[in-house]
N, C-alpha and C. Protein backbone atom coordinates (compact mmCIF):
# COMPACT_ATOMS: atom_id res chain seq x y z
N MET A 1 78.99 161.38 58.13
CA MET A 1 80.31 161.23 58.95
C MET A 1 80.35 159.97 59.69
N LYS A 2 81.43 159.29 59.73
CA LYS A 2 81.66 158.03 60.39
C LYS A 2 82.21 158.35 61.80
N ALA A 3 82.14 157.16 62.56
CA ALA A 3 82.64 157.40 63.97
C ALA A 3 83.53 156.11 64.29
N LEU A 4 84.48 156.33 65.15
CA LEU A 4 85.44 155.27 65.48
C LEU A 4 85.29 155.16 67.09
N ILE A 5 85.10 153.94 67.56
CA ILE A 5 85.02 153.69 68.99
C ILE A 5 86.25 152.99 69.41
N LEU A 6 87.11 153.52 70.23
CA LEU A 6 88.32 152.89 70.69
C LEU A 6 88.06 151.82 71.74
N ALA A 7 88.29 150.66 71.37
CA ALA A 7 87.91 149.43 72.19
C ALA A 7 88.89 148.45 72.38
N ALA A 8 90.27 148.80 72.10
CA ALA A 8 91.31 147.74 71.96
C ALA A 8 92.07 147.50 73.22
N GLY A 9 91.88 148.37 74.22
CA GLY A 9 92.80 148.52 75.38
C GLY A 9 92.58 147.21 76.26
N ARG A 10 93.58 146.94 77.01
CA ARG A 10 93.72 145.92 77.99
C ARG A 10 92.82 145.98 79.18
N GLY A 11 92.78 147.31 79.68
CA GLY A 11 91.89 147.60 80.88
C GLY A 11 92.75 147.20 82.10
N GLU A 12 93.93 147.48 82.32
CA GLU A 12 94.77 146.90 83.40
C GLU A 12 94.17 147.38 84.73
N ARG A 13 93.80 148.63 84.81
CA ARG A 13 93.33 149.16 86.21
C ARG A 13 92.04 148.57 86.58
N MET A 14 91.33 148.03 85.62
CA MET A 14 90.00 147.36 85.80
C MET A 14 90.05 145.83 86.18
N ARG A 15 91.26 145.29 86.25
CA ARG A 15 91.43 144.04 86.65
C ARG A 15 91.01 143.77 87.94
N PRO A 16 90.40 142.61 88.41
CA PRO A 16 90.32 141.30 87.52
C PRO A 16 89.09 141.18 86.60
N LEU A 17 88.30 142.23 86.68
CA LEU A 17 87.10 142.14 85.77
C LEU A 17 87.41 141.94 84.35
N THR A 18 88.47 142.65 83.86
CA THR A 18 88.87 142.52 82.47
C THR A 18 89.80 141.31 82.02
N ASP A 19 90.04 140.46 82.98
CA ASP A 19 90.79 139.32 82.70
C ASP A 19 89.94 138.37 81.75
N THR A 20 88.67 138.29 81.95
CA THR A 20 87.81 137.62 81.11
C THR A 20 86.80 138.31 80.24
N THR A 21 86.56 139.55 80.51
CA THR A 21 85.61 140.36 79.82
C THR A 21 86.32 141.70 79.27
N PRO A 22 86.26 142.06 78.04
CA PRO A 22 86.82 143.33 77.60
C PRO A 22 86.15 144.46 78.29
N LYS A 23 86.88 145.56 78.59
CA LYS A 23 86.24 146.57 79.30
C LYS A 23 85.07 147.25 78.63
N PRO A 24 85.02 147.40 77.35
CA PRO A 24 83.84 147.96 76.71
C PRO A 24 82.56 147.13 76.84
N LEU A 25 82.63 145.93 77.30
CA LEU A 25 81.51 145.12 77.49
C LEU A 25 81.12 144.90 78.96
N LEU A 26 81.77 145.65 79.77
CA LEU A 26 81.30 145.75 81.21
C LEU A 26 80.07 146.55 81.30
N GLN A 27 79.17 146.03 82.21
CA GLN A 27 77.76 146.49 82.36
C GLN A 27 77.73 147.62 83.36
N VAL A 28 76.89 148.69 82.95
CA VAL A 28 76.51 149.78 83.96
C VAL A 28 75.07 150.15 83.55
N GLY A 29 74.21 150.18 84.55
CA GLY A 29 72.82 150.52 84.36
C GLY A 29 72.16 149.67 83.46
N GLY A 30 72.51 148.33 83.40
CA GLY A 30 71.86 147.27 82.68
C GLY A 30 72.28 147.18 81.16
N ARG A 31 73.43 147.89 80.87
CA ARG A 31 73.86 148.04 79.36
C ARG A 31 75.30 148.10 79.40
N SER A 32 75.93 147.51 78.38
CA SER A 32 77.41 147.58 78.32
C SER A 32 77.83 149.01 77.95
N LEU A 33 78.99 149.31 78.46
CA LEU A 33 79.50 150.61 78.20
C LEU A 33 79.54 151.11 76.66
N ILE A 34 80.00 150.12 75.79
CA ILE A 34 80.02 150.48 74.33
C ILE A 34 78.64 150.62 73.80
N GLU A 35 77.62 150.00 74.25
CA GLU A 35 76.26 150.10 73.80
C GLU A 35 75.79 151.52 73.97
N TYR A 36 76.11 152.15 75.10
CA TYR A 36 75.69 153.58 75.26
C TYR A 36 76.14 154.53 74.05
N HIS A 37 77.44 154.17 73.67
CA HIS A 37 78.02 154.88 72.58
C HIS A 37 77.30 154.59 71.26
N LEU A 38 76.99 153.36 71.03
CA LEU A 38 76.43 152.97 69.85
C LEU A 38 75.01 153.61 69.69
N LEU A 39 74.19 153.63 70.73
CA LEU A 39 72.95 154.16 70.73
C LEU A 39 72.96 155.68 70.47
N ALA A 40 73.90 156.37 71.30
CA ALA A 40 74.10 157.79 71.15
C ALA A 40 74.43 158.25 69.62
N LEU A 41 75.35 157.48 69.08
CA LEU A 41 75.73 157.64 67.69
C LEU A 41 74.51 157.58 66.81
N GLN A 42 73.79 156.59 66.92
CA GLN A 42 72.67 156.29 66.06
C GLN A 42 71.66 157.37 66.17
N GLN A 43 71.29 157.91 67.41
CA GLN A 43 70.44 158.85 67.58
C GLN A 43 70.92 160.16 67.07
N ALA A 44 72.22 160.34 66.97
CA ALA A 44 72.76 161.58 66.38
C ALA A 44 72.80 161.53 64.84
N GLY A 45 72.38 160.52 64.28
CA GLY A 45 72.32 160.38 62.76
C GLY A 45 73.44 159.69 62.24
N ILE A 46 74.53 159.17 62.94
CA ILE A 46 75.57 158.40 62.51
C ILE A 46 75.02 157.04 62.10
N ARG A 47 75.53 156.54 60.93
CA ARG A 47 75.13 155.16 60.50
C ARG A 47 76.24 154.25 60.37
N GLU A 48 77.45 154.74 60.15
CA GLU A 48 78.71 153.76 60.05
C GLU A 48 79.63 154.04 61.19
N VAL A 49 79.95 152.93 61.73
CA VAL A 49 80.87 152.90 62.99
C VAL A 49 82.00 151.99 62.76
N VAL A 50 83.16 152.42 63.10
CA VAL A 50 84.32 151.47 63.19
C VAL A 50 84.61 151.16 64.64
N ILE A 51 85.06 150.03 64.94
CA ILE A 51 85.51 149.67 66.27
C ILE A 51 86.81 149.02 66.24
N ASN A 52 87.82 149.47 66.86
CA ASN A 52 89.14 148.79 66.83
C ASN A 52 89.19 147.77 68.07
N LEU A 53 89.93 146.64 67.73
CA LEU A 53 89.87 145.50 68.59
C LEU A 53 91.22 144.99 68.78
N SER A 54 91.47 144.55 70.10
CA SER A 54 92.73 143.75 70.46
C SER A 54 92.42 142.85 71.55
N TRP A 55 92.56 143.19 72.85
CA TRP A 55 92.30 142.30 73.87
C TRP A 55 90.90 141.74 73.98
N LEU A 56 90.61 140.41 73.81
CA LEU A 56 89.37 139.76 73.91
C LEU A 56 88.39 140.41 72.83
N GLY A 57 88.92 140.92 71.70
CA GLY A 57 88.13 141.65 70.73
C GLY A 57 87.18 140.75 70.08
N GLU A 58 87.37 139.45 70.12
CA GLU A 58 86.42 138.49 69.49
C GLU A 58 85.11 138.47 70.30
N GLN A 59 85.18 138.84 71.59
CA GLN A 59 83.83 138.87 72.35
C GLN A 59 83.09 140.05 71.82
N ILE A 60 83.73 141.20 71.66
CA ILE A 60 82.98 142.38 71.20
C ILE A 60 82.43 142.15 69.90
N GLU A 61 83.04 141.66 68.99
CA GLU A 61 82.63 141.44 67.50
C GLU A 61 81.50 140.37 67.65
N ARG A 62 81.59 139.41 68.54
CA ARG A 62 80.49 138.42 68.55
C ARG A 62 79.19 139.08 69.17
N GLN A 63 79.37 139.94 70.24
CA GLN A 63 78.18 140.42 70.73
C GLN A 63 77.48 141.51 69.90
N LEU A 64 78.27 142.33 69.26
CA LEU A 64 77.71 143.46 68.51
C LEU A 64 77.44 143.13 66.96
N GLY A 65 78.10 142.14 66.49
CA GLY A 65 77.80 141.74 65.11
C GLY A 65 78.07 142.88 64.05
N ASP A 66 77.21 142.83 63.17
CA ASP A 66 77.27 143.90 62.06
C ASP A 66 76.58 145.19 62.51
N GLY A 67 76.08 145.15 63.65
CA GLY A 67 75.39 146.44 64.16
C GLY A 67 74.08 146.73 63.72
N GLY A 68 73.49 145.78 63.06
CA GLY A 68 72.16 145.94 62.53
C GLY A 68 71.18 146.18 63.54
N ARG A 69 71.17 145.54 64.64
CA ARG A 69 70.13 145.79 65.63
C ARG A 69 70.27 147.09 66.37
N TYR A 70 71.34 147.83 65.98
CA TYR A 70 71.40 149.20 66.60
C TYR A 70 71.17 150.32 65.49
N GLY A 71 70.71 149.77 64.41
CA GLY A 71 70.58 150.73 63.26
C GLY A 71 71.87 151.26 62.71
N LEU A 72 72.91 150.48 62.85
CA LEU A 72 74.26 150.92 62.36
C LEU A 72 74.69 149.72 61.45
N ARG A 73 75.91 150.23 60.80
CA ARG A 73 76.80 149.31 60.05
C ARG A 73 78.07 149.31 60.76
N ILE A 74 78.52 148.25 61.42
CA ILE A 74 79.87 148.32 62.16
C ILE A 74 80.76 147.41 61.40
N ALA A 75 81.95 148.12 61.26
CA ALA A 75 83.13 147.57 60.68
C ALA A 75 84.33 147.33 61.76
N TYR A 76 85.13 146.40 61.71
CA TYR A 76 86.10 146.19 62.70
C TYR A 76 87.55 146.39 62.27
N SER A 77 88.29 147.04 63.06
CA SER A 77 89.69 147.27 62.74
C SER A 77 90.63 146.33 63.77
N HIS A 78 91.05 145.23 63.26
CA HIS A 78 91.71 144.34 64.13
C HIS A 78 93.19 144.74 64.30
N GLU A 79 93.70 144.82 65.49
CA GLU A 79 95.00 145.19 65.85
C GLU A 79 95.95 144.03 66.29
N GLY A 80 95.42 142.77 66.35
CA GLY A 80 96.16 141.71 66.76
C GLY A 80 96.37 141.69 68.30
N ALA A 81 97.47 140.94 68.69
CA ALA A 81 97.55 140.74 70.19
C ALA A 81 98.09 141.92 70.93
N GLN A 82 98.76 142.79 70.21
CA GLN A 82 99.20 144.02 71.00
C GLN A 82 98.45 145.20 70.44
N ALA A 83 97.75 145.89 71.35
CA ALA A 83 96.98 147.09 70.98
C ALA A 83 98.09 148.11 70.51
N LEU A 84 97.63 149.06 69.50
CA LEU A 84 98.43 150.03 69.02
C LEU A 84 98.40 151.33 69.76
N GLU A 85 97.77 151.43 70.88
CA GLU A 85 97.54 152.63 71.65
C GLU A 85 96.59 153.62 70.78
N THR A 86 96.28 154.75 71.31
CA THR A 86 95.18 155.53 70.78
C THR A 86 95.61 156.12 69.29
N GLY A 87 96.79 156.61 69.17
CA GLY A 87 97.24 157.13 67.86
C GLY A 87 97.38 156.08 66.85
N GLY A 88 98.08 155.02 67.25
CA GLY A 88 98.29 153.91 66.31
C GLY A 88 97.02 153.22 65.94
N GLY A 89 96.10 153.19 66.84
CA GLY A 89 94.82 152.47 66.44
C GLY A 89 94.01 153.40 65.59
N ILE A 90 93.98 154.79 65.76
CA ILE A 90 93.21 155.53 64.81
C ILE A 90 93.95 155.47 63.43
N HIS A 91 95.19 155.50 63.36
CA HIS A 91 95.93 155.55 62.16
C HIS A 91 95.65 154.16 61.26
N LYS A 92 95.61 153.05 62.13
CA LYS A 92 95.33 151.87 61.34
C LYS A 92 93.89 151.75 60.82
N ALA A 93 93.05 152.43 61.56
CA ALA A 93 91.63 152.45 61.14
C ALA A 93 91.25 153.45 59.99
N LEU A 94 92.18 154.34 59.56
CA LEU A 94 91.98 155.29 58.55
C LEU A 94 91.35 154.68 57.29
N PRO A 95 91.77 153.55 56.72
CA PRO A 95 91.26 153.03 55.55
C PRO A 95 89.67 152.85 55.69
N LEU A 96 89.33 152.46 56.88
CA LEU A 96 87.92 152.20 57.08
C LEU A 96 87.00 153.38 57.36
N LEU A 97 87.73 154.65 57.56
CA LEU A 97 87.07 155.80 57.93
C LEU A 97 86.87 156.85 56.86
N GLY A 98 87.70 156.62 55.73
CA GLY A 98 87.50 157.50 54.65
C GLY A 98 88.31 158.72 54.65
N GLU A 99 88.06 159.73 53.81
CA GLU A 99 88.79 160.82 53.63
C GLU A 99 88.20 162.03 54.34
N GLU A 100 87.07 162.01 54.88
CA GLU A 100 86.47 162.99 55.57
C GLU A 100 86.70 163.00 57.11
N ALA A 101 86.25 164.13 57.82
CA ALA A 101 86.50 164.09 59.23
C ALA A 101 85.67 163.07 59.87
N PHE A 102 86.16 162.55 61.02
CA PHE A 102 85.37 161.46 61.75
C PHE A 102 85.35 161.79 63.29
N ILE A 103 84.40 161.17 63.98
CA ILE A 103 84.27 161.25 65.38
C ILE A 103 85.02 160.09 65.93
N VAL A 104 85.74 160.42 67.10
CA VAL A 104 86.42 159.29 67.88
C VAL A 104 85.92 159.38 69.32
N ILE A 105 85.68 158.23 69.85
CA ILE A 105 85.16 158.23 71.23
C ILE A 105 85.80 157.11 71.96
N ASN A 106 86.36 157.35 73.20
CA ASN A 106 86.83 156.10 73.98
C ASN A 106 85.66 155.24 74.49
N ALA A 107 85.84 153.96 74.35
CA ALA A 107 84.84 153.03 74.72
C ALA A 107 84.61 153.05 76.23
N ASP A 108 85.63 153.47 77.00
CA ASP A 108 85.59 153.40 78.51
C ASP A 108 85.23 154.67 79.13
N VAL A 109 84.49 155.52 78.51
CA VAL A 109 83.93 156.60 79.18
C VAL A 109 82.49 156.61 78.93
N TRP A 110 81.78 157.26 79.86
CA TRP A 110 80.31 157.51 79.74
C TRP A 110 79.91 158.89 79.88
N THR A 111 79.07 159.35 78.90
CA THR A 111 78.62 160.79 78.97
C THR A 111 77.30 160.92 78.33
N ASN A 112 76.73 162.04 78.68
CA ASN A 112 75.41 162.40 78.05
C ASN A 112 75.72 163.56 77.07
N TYR A 113 76.95 163.73 76.58
CA TYR A 113 77.23 164.84 75.61
C TYR A 113 76.35 164.60 74.35
N PRO A 114 75.84 165.60 73.87
CA PRO A 114 74.91 165.52 72.59
C PRO A 114 75.80 165.44 71.48
N ILE A 115 76.01 164.18 70.88
CA ILE A 115 76.90 163.90 69.81
C ILE A 115 76.55 164.66 68.58
N ARG A 116 75.33 165.04 68.36
CA ARG A 116 74.91 165.81 67.16
C ARG A 116 75.70 167.04 67.00
N GLN A 117 76.24 167.69 68.06
CA GLN A 117 77.00 168.87 68.02
C GLN A 117 78.27 168.69 67.26
N LEU A 118 78.73 167.34 67.16
CA LEU A 118 80.03 167.13 66.50
C LEU A 118 79.91 166.75 65.13
N LEU A 119 78.75 166.87 64.51
CA LEU A 119 78.57 166.49 63.05
C LEU A 119 78.95 167.62 62.21
N ARG A 120 80.24 167.83 62.25
CA ARG A 120 80.77 168.99 61.39
C ARG A 120 82.32 168.75 61.36
N SER A 121 82.85 169.23 60.22
CA SER A 121 84.32 169.13 60.05
C SER A 121 85.07 170.08 61.00
N PRO A 122 86.19 169.75 61.59
CA PRO A 122 86.84 170.71 62.53
C PRO A 122 87.41 171.84 61.80
N ASN A 123 87.44 173.00 62.39
CA ASN A 123 88.03 174.17 61.82
C ASN A 123 89.65 174.06 62.13
N GLY A 124 90.25 173.11 61.43
CA GLY A 124 91.64 172.88 61.60
C GLY A 124 91.82 171.28 61.53
N LEU A 125 92.63 170.74 62.41
CA LEU A 125 92.79 169.30 62.29
C LEU A 125 92.12 168.49 63.36
N ALA A 126 91.67 169.06 64.42
CA ALA A 126 90.98 168.39 65.41
C ALA A 126 90.10 169.36 66.24
N HIS A 127 89.01 168.76 66.81
CA HIS A 127 88.11 169.50 67.74
C HIS A 127 87.93 168.62 68.84
N LEU A 128 88.23 169.07 70.15
CA LEU A 128 88.11 168.25 71.32
C LEU A 128 87.02 168.72 72.26
N VAL A 129 86.45 167.72 72.90
CA VAL A 129 85.46 167.94 73.99
C VAL A 129 86.28 167.87 75.30
N LEU A 130 86.40 168.98 76.03
CA LEU A 130 87.05 168.99 77.30
C LEU A 130 86.00 169.13 78.50
N VAL A 131 86.44 168.64 79.58
CA VAL A 131 85.50 168.54 80.71
C VAL A 131 86.25 169.00 82.04
N ASP A 132 85.46 169.37 83.02
CA ASP A 132 86.05 169.58 84.34
C ASP A 132 86.96 168.51 84.80
N ASN A 133 88.13 168.84 85.53
CA ASN A 133 89.11 167.83 86.07
C ASN A 133 88.44 166.94 87.08
N PRO A 134 88.50 165.65 86.85
CA PRO A 134 87.95 164.80 87.93
C PRO A 134 88.96 164.54 88.98
N SER A 135 88.59 164.13 90.04
CA SER A 135 89.41 163.92 91.29
C SER A 135 90.60 163.15 91.05
N GLN A 136 90.58 162.16 90.08
CA GLN A 136 91.58 161.43 89.83
C GLN A 136 92.77 161.92 88.69
N HIS A 137 92.30 163.12 88.29
CA HIS A 137 93.17 163.74 87.30
C HIS A 137 93.01 165.29 87.53
N PRO A 138 93.47 165.74 88.77
CA PRO A 138 93.17 167.19 89.00
C PRO A 138 94.11 168.15 88.20
N GLN A 139 95.15 167.80 87.55
CA GLN A 139 95.98 168.65 86.78
C GLN A 139 95.51 169.07 85.44
N GLY A 140 94.58 168.15 84.96
CA GLY A 140 93.85 168.42 83.59
C GLY A 140 94.81 168.01 82.47
N ASP A 141 94.61 168.32 81.24
CA ASP A 141 95.44 168.11 80.13
C ASP A 141 95.81 169.24 79.28
N PHE A 142 94.81 170.08 78.92
CA PHE A 142 94.97 171.11 77.89
C PHE A 142 94.22 172.44 78.39
N MET A 143 94.71 173.48 77.80
CA MET A 143 94.14 174.83 78.06
C MET A 143 93.06 175.16 76.95
N LEU A 144 92.01 175.83 77.35
CA LEU A 144 91.06 176.37 76.33
C LEU A 144 90.97 177.77 76.58
N GLN A 145 91.30 178.50 75.39
CA GLN A 145 91.10 180.00 75.34
C GLN A 145 90.35 180.21 74.27
N GLY A 146 88.98 180.70 74.58
CA GLY A 146 88.00 180.84 73.57
C GLY A 146 87.67 179.51 72.99
N ASP A 147 87.78 179.20 71.77
CA ASP A 147 87.66 178.01 71.14
C ASP A 147 88.93 177.30 70.76
N THR A 148 90.12 177.73 71.16
CA THR A 148 91.36 177.28 70.75
C THR A 148 91.90 176.49 71.96
N VAL A 149 92.38 175.24 71.73
CA VAL A 149 93.06 174.35 72.60
C VAL A 149 94.41 174.51 72.42
N SER A 150 95.21 174.69 73.57
CA SER A 150 96.60 174.86 73.61
C SER A 150 97.26 173.90 74.57
N VAL A 151 98.68 173.73 74.39
CA VAL A 151 99.38 172.83 75.35
C VAL A 151 99.29 173.52 76.75
N ALA A 152 99.26 172.69 77.81
CA ALA A 152 99.10 173.15 79.17
C ALA A 152 100.39 173.96 79.52
N ASP A 153 100.04 175.13 80.23
CA ASP A 153 101.19 175.97 80.71
C ASP A 153 101.30 175.57 82.19
N GLU A 154 102.52 175.13 82.72
CA GLU A 154 102.57 174.75 84.05
C GLU A 154 102.43 176.01 85.01
N SER A 155 102.62 177.11 84.49
CA SER A 155 102.46 178.34 85.27
C SER A 155 101.00 178.80 85.39
N ASP A 156 100.19 178.20 84.62
CA ASP A 156 98.68 178.59 84.68
C ASP A 156 97.90 177.22 84.94
N GLY A 157 97.33 177.19 86.21
CA GLY A 157 96.63 176.03 86.57
C GLY A 157 95.27 175.82 85.90
N HIS A 158 94.78 176.66 84.97
CA HIS A 158 93.42 176.61 84.43
C HIS A 158 93.39 175.71 83.14
N CYS A 159 93.58 174.35 83.57
CA CYS A 159 93.65 173.39 82.46
C CYS A 159 92.20 172.52 82.67
N LEU A 160 91.86 171.98 81.60
CA LEU A 160 90.74 171.03 81.63
C LEU A 160 91.13 169.67 81.01
N THR A 161 90.35 168.73 81.29
CA THR A 161 90.56 167.30 81.08
C THR A 161 89.95 166.92 79.63
N PHE A 162 90.87 166.24 78.86
CA PHE A 162 90.31 165.75 77.57
C PHE A 162 89.28 164.58 77.87
N SER A 163 88.15 164.60 77.30
CA SER A 163 87.01 163.72 77.69
C SER A 163 87.18 162.40 76.85
N GLY A 164 88.08 162.24 75.84
CA GLY A 164 88.19 161.12 75.04
C GLY A 164 87.14 161.11 73.88
N LEU A 165 86.60 162.38 73.66
CA LEU A 165 85.58 162.47 72.62
C LEU A 165 86.09 163.60 71.75
N GLY A 166 86.15 163.39 70.40
CA GLY A 166 86.62 164.58 69.57
C GLY A 166 86.37 164.17 68.04
N VAL A 167 86.65 165.16 67.28
CA VAL A 167 86.52 164.99 65.78
C VAL A 167 87.94 165.24 65.17
N TYR A 168 88.35 164.39 64.33
CA TYR A 168 89.67 164.55 63.80
C TYR A 168 89.62 164.46 62.17
N HIS A 169 90.48 165.27 61.60
CA HIS A 169 90.65 165.20 60.20
C HIS A 169 91.79 164.18 59.76
N PRO A 170 91.58 163.29 58.85
CA PRO A 170 92.71 162.40 58.60
C PRO A 170 94.02 163.01 58.31
N ALA A 171 94.06 164.31 57.97
CA ALA A 171 95.31 165.00 57.76
C ALA A 171 96.14 165.07 59.07
N LEU A 172 95.49 164.93 60.19
CA LEU A 172 96.18 165.04 61.47
C LEU A 172 97.19 163.99 61.43
N PHE A 173 96.96 162.77 60.78
CA PHE A 173 97.91 161.64 60.92
C PHE A 173 98.74 161.60 59.53
N ALA A 174 98.91 162.66 58.88
CA ALA A 174 99.51 162.47 57.48
C ALA A 174 100.93 162.11 57.55
N ASN A 175 101.70 162.54 58.64
CA ASN A 175 103.11 162.09 58.79
C ASN A 175 103.39 160.92 59.68
N CYS A 176 102.27 160.14 60.00
CA CYS A 176 102.44 159.05 60.82
C CYS A 176 102.75 157.70 60.02
N GLN A 177 103.43 156.82 60.68
CA GLN A 177 103.65 155.55 60.15
C GLN A 177 102.99 154.49 61.09
N GLN A 178 102.49 153.38 60.43
CA GLN A 178 101.94 152.36 61.25
C GLN A 178 102.76 151.73 62.33
N ALA A 179 102.31 152.01 63.56
CA ALA A 179 103.10 151.68 64.76
C ALA A 179 102.46 151.75 65.96
N VAL A 180 102.90 151.44 67.07
CA VAL A 180 102.27 151.69 68.51
C VAL A 180 102.67 153.05 68.82
N PHE A 181 101.67 154.00 68.94
CA PHE A 181 102.10 155.38 69.35
C PHE A 181 100.81 155.97 70.00
N PRO A 182 100.97 156.84 70.90
CA PRO A 182 99.88 157.67 71.58
C PRO A 182 99.42 158.81 70.70
N LEU A 183 98.27 159.31 71.18
CA LEU A 183 97.56 160.43 70.34
C LEU A 183 98.16 161.86 70.85
N ALA A 184 98.28 161.86 72.14
CA ALA A 184 98.59 163.27 72.64
C ALA A 184 99.81 163.91 71.99
N PRO A 185 101.05 163.37 71.61
CA PRO A 185 102.03 164.06 71.06
C PRO A 185 101.54 164.75 69.69
N ILE A 186 100.68 163.99 68.91
CA ILE A 186 100.22 164.46 67.72
C ILE A 186 99.40 165.65 67.88
N LEU A 187 98.53 165.60 68.79
CA LEU A 187 97.52 166.67 69.27
C LEU A 187 98.44 167.94 69.55
N ARG A 188 99.38 167.62 70.48
CA ARG A 188 100.15 168.82 70.96
C ARG A 188 100.89 169.62 69.78
N GLU A 189 101.40 168.74 68.91
CA GLU A 189 102.06 169.33 67.62
C GLU A 189 101.07 170.22 66.83
N ALA A 190 99.88 169.72 66.68
CA ALA A 190 98.77 170.44 66.01
C ALA A 190 98.47 171.69 66.80
N MET A 191 98.48 171.55 68.18
CA MET A 191 98.05 172.69 68.95
C MET A 191 99.07 173.86 68.73
N VAL A 192 100.32 173.51 68.75
CA VAL A 192 101.38 174.56 68.51
C VAL A 192 101.18 175.45 67.26
N LYS A 193 100.60 174.72 66.29
CA LYS A 193 100.29 175.33 64.94
C LYS A 193 98.93 176.01 64.97
N GLY A 194 98.25 175.95 66.00
CA GLY A 194 96.87 176.60 66.13
C GLY A 194 95.81 175.78 65.45
N GLN A 195 95.98 174.51 65.27
CA GLN A 195 95.08 173.75 64.49
C GLN A 195 94.08 172.93 65.16
N VAL A 196 93.97 173.02 66.47
CA VAL A 196 92.98 172.38 67.38
C VAL A 196 92.04 173.24 68.09
N THR A 197 90.77 173.06 67.78
CA THR A 197 89.77 173.82 68.53
C THR A 197 89.02 172.87 69.63
N GLY A 198 88.33 173.43 70.51
CA GLY A 198 87.66 172.68 71.48
C GLY A 198 86.44 173.40 72.11
N GLU A 199 85.85 172.75 73.05
CA GLU A 199 84.75 173.21 73.87
C GLU A 199 84.67 172.64 75.20
N HIS A 200 84.10 173.42 76.21
CA HIS A 200 84.05 172.98 77.50
C HIS A 200 82.69 172.29 77.77
N PHE A 201 82.57 171.01 77.93
CA PHE A 201 81.26 170.38 78.24
C PHE A 201 81.14 170.22 79.83
N THR A 202 80.00 170.70 80.30
CA THR A 202 79.78 170.74 81.69
C THR A 202 78.70 169.79 82.14
N GLY A 203 78.34 168.83 81.27
CA GLY A 203 77.27 167.90 81.52
C GLY A 203 77.92 166.64 82.29
N GLN A 204 77.17 165.59 82.09
CA GLN A 204 77.75 164.31 82.82
C GLN A 204 78.76 163.64 82.07
N TRP A 205 79.81 163.29 82.77
CA TRP A 205 80.91 162.60 82.05
C TRP A 205 81.62 161.63 83.07
N SER A 206 82.11 160.55 82.79
CA SER A 206 82.76 159.62 83.75
C SER A 206 83.75 158.81 82.99
N ASP A 207 85.05 158.82 83.51
CA ASP A 207 86.06 158.07 83.07
C ASP A 207 85.97 156.62 83.99
N VAL A 208 85.52 155.60 83.24
CA VAL A 208 85.22 154.44 84.03
C VAL A 208 86.46 153.58 83.93
N GLY A 209 87.50 153.98 84.67
CA GLY A 209 88.70 153.39 84.66
C GLY A 209 89.06 152.40 85.76
N THR A 210 88.24 152.22 86.84
CA THR A 210 88.53 151.36 87.93
C THR A 210 87.20 150.71 88.22
N PRO A 211 87.26 149.58 88.95
CA PRO A 211 86.04 148.86 89.51
C PRO A 211 85.30 149.82 90.36
N GLU A 212 85.97 150.64 91.15
CA GLU A 212 85.19 151.52 92.10
C GLU A 212 84.36 152.48 91.23
N ARG A 213 85.00 153.16 90.17
CA ARG A 213 84.20 154.17 89.45
C ARG A 213 83.15 153.36 88.60
N LEU A 214 83.26 152.15 88.23
CA LEU A 214 82.31 151.40 87.53
C LEU A 214 80.99 151.17 88.45
N ILE A 215 81.29 150.80 89.72
CA ILE A 215 80.20 150.63 90.65
C ILE A 215 79.54 151.97 90.82
N GLN A 216 80.29 153.13 91.05
CA GLN A 216 79.67 154.38 91.26
C GLN A 216 78.74 154.71 90.04
N LEU A 217 79.16 154.58 88.84
CA LEU A 217 78.38 154.91 87.59
C LEU A 217 77.19 154.02 87.62
N ASP A 218 77.38 152.68 87.82
CA ASP A 218 76.16 151.75 87.88
C ASP A 218 75.19 152.26 88.78
N THR A 219 75.62 152.59 90.06
CA THR A 219 74.56 153.13 90.99
C THR A 219 73.82 154.31 90.55
N GLN A 220 74.69 155.27 89.96
CA GLN A 220 74.11 156.46 89.38
C GLN A 220 72.97 156.24 88.38
N LEU A 221 73.31 155.28 87.42
CA LEU A 221 72.43 155.02 86.37
C LEU A 221 71.16 154.24 86.79
N GLN A 222 71.47 153.32 87.84
CA GLN A 222 70.28 152.59 88.40
C GLN A 222 69.28 153.47 88.90
N GLU A 223 69.83 154.52 89.66
CA GLU A 223 68.90 155.49 90.42
C GLU A 223 68.18 156.40 89.42
């Protein structure tokens, strides 16, 4: 199984730090955010990783190289000056990911989720890791009933937050054209058809979206 790390975003909420450094290379606990993912993937048995690039992507490629020092083979999906958003970025990277299911993780989250649990094809089109709602996102994203993920029901407040970590089958993107587009509408369409499973992870997870949360995570890891 291969993995895709989404690293193309501009990181607007993290400015001014991301004016000169791409968010995946920001340091917490003495290591860049993206390196935590590379090490976790390698430890889980993954050997081939794709990273999509846009904003200051040359810095990421220069620092990580071919992935050899992490025990990985890294390929890069270049999106040009305009990032394609999550859905468009995954779709563009499909030729590098092959015909089997693949793991996707956002470069700007940190977690101790055991990646090895994802080394399986989803029972459907996607499998999502959901977490408790953080303070900055109290409404959550999706509902989890058993192992089935469904679209949030506004009359039911029992929603969880999508962690940015999941497994997707290429068929999820079968009707997509190369363009800038988000992932969420495609997932919701698959949920309506009962094609998305999920799990509730209660371990450590952080959406490192602002300088304040970056400092908090750095302090936590240093301790």
